Protein backbone atom coordinates (compact mmCIF):
# COMPACT_ATOMS: atom_id res chain seq x y z
CA UNK A 1 0.00 0.00 0.00
CA UNK A 2 1.39 3.43 -0.92
CA UNK A 3 1.18 6.51 1.24
CA UNK A 4 -0.55 9.16 -0.90
CA UNK A 5 0.50 11.95 1.49
CA UNK A 6 4.18 11.39 0.61
CA UNK A 7 3.87 11.39 -3.17
CA UNK A 8 5.22 14.31 -5.18
CA UNK A 9 3.32 15.72 -8.17
CA UNK A 10 6.16 16.38 -10.60
CA UNK A 11 3.61 17.75 -13.12
CA UNK A 12 2.65 20.61 -10.79
CA UNK A 13 3.21 24.13 -12.10
CA UNK A 14 6.60 25.54 -11.13
CA UNK A 15 9.02 28.34 -11.95
CA UNK A 16 12.82 28.33 -11.95
CA UNK A 17 14.30 31.62 -10.74
CA UNK A 18 17.85 32.92 -10.92
CA UNK A 19 19.28 35.48 -8.56
CA UNK A 20 21.34 38.26 -10.10
CA UNK A 21 24.95 37.73 -9.11
CA UNK A 22 28.26 39.46 -8.71
CA UNK A 23 31.44 37.37 -8.50
CA UNK A 24 29.27 34.22 -8.33
CA UNK A 25 27.45 35.50 -5.22
CA UNK A 26 23.77 36.33 -4.95
CA UNK A 27 22.90 40.01 -5.13
CA UNK A 28 20.50 40.21 -2.20
CA UNK A 29 19.74 43.82 -3.16
CA UNK A 30 18.14 42.59 -6.41
CA UNK A 31 15.10 40.41 -7.02
CA UNK A 32 15.45 37.01 -8.69
CA UNK A 33 14.02 36.66 -12.18
CA UNK A 34 12.18 33.77 -13.81
CA UNK A 35 14.09 31.68 -16.35
CA UNK A 36 11.67 28.74 -16.74
CA UNK A 37 7.88 28.60 -16.48
CA UNK A 38 6.78 24.97 -16.61
CA UNK A 39 6.30 21.88 -14.47
CA UNK A 40 8.24 20.88 -11.37
CA UNK A 41 9.83 18.09 -13.42
CA UNK A 42 10.95 20.50 -16.15
CA UNK A 43 12.34 22.98 -13.62
CA UNK A 44 14.27 20.23 -11.83
CA UNK A 45 15.75 19.03 -15.14
CA UNK A 46 16.74 22.56 -16.14
CA UNK A 47 18.25 23.20 -12.70
CA UNK A 48 20.27 19.97 -12.81
CA UNK A 49 21.58 21.01 -16.25
CA UNK A 50 23.18 24.13 -14.75
CA UNK A 51 26.87 24.01 -13.80
CA UNK A 52 27.22 22.77 -10.23
CA UNK A 53 29.23 25.83 -9.20
CA UNK A 54 26.33 28.16 -10.13
CA UNK A 55 23.37 26.19 -8.76
CA UNK A 56 23.32 28.22 -5.55
CA UNK A 57 22.05 31.13 -7.66
CA UNK A 58 18.80 29.29 -8.52
CA UNK A 59 15.59 28.35 -6.73
CA UNK A 60 12.33 26.72 -7.77
CA UNK A 61 8.98 28.10 -6.70
CA UNK A 62 5.89 25.88 -6.76
CA UNK A 63 2.77 25.09 -4.77
CA UNK A 64 3.73 23.50 -1.47
CA UNK A 65 3.29 19.71 -1.26
CA UNK A 66 3.86 18.90 2.42
CA UNK A 67 5.90 17.30 3.81
CA UNK A 68 8.37 16.86 0.93
CA UNK A 69 7.99 19.99 -1.22
CA UNK A 70 8.02 23.52 0.23
CA UNK A 71 6.82 26.47 -1.88
CA UNK A 72 10.42 27.65 -2.44
CA UNK A 73 12.96 24.94 -3.15
CA UNK A 74 16.59 25.61 -2.30
CA UNK A 75 19.32 24.00 -4.40
CA UNK A 76 19.64 21.28 -1.74
CA UNK A 77 15.91 20.48 -1.95
CA UNK A 78 16.06 20.34 -5.75
CA UNK A 79 18.97 17.89 -5.69
CA UNK A 80 17.12 15.62 -3.25
CA UNK A 81 13.92 15.76 -5.34
CA UNK A 82 15.95 14.95 -8.44
CA UNK A 83 17.27 11.84 -6.70
CA UNK A 84 13.75 10.90 -5.59
CA UNK A 85 12.41 11.40 -9.12
CA UNK A 86 15.13 9.14 -10.57
CA UNK A 87 14.44 6.52 -7.90
CA UNK A 88 10.72 6.48 -8.72
């Protein structure tokens, strides 16, 4: 029997954002801008295609899916969801 409360909807609407940067550091004085408007799956794939050394400049925003998916996914969350997606 599967636990429906712990399943992730990878087809949910999501947006990949990039923070403006200076010397590979986030510019906290600037707002992030959207680079992908699609599904959670598409945003995860696009994020994972970015160079590892720049991933800290990105975040994914989507509808919260407790307990596994918050509304703003940090790079660490995205990497874990990518592993989960590949496992499933």
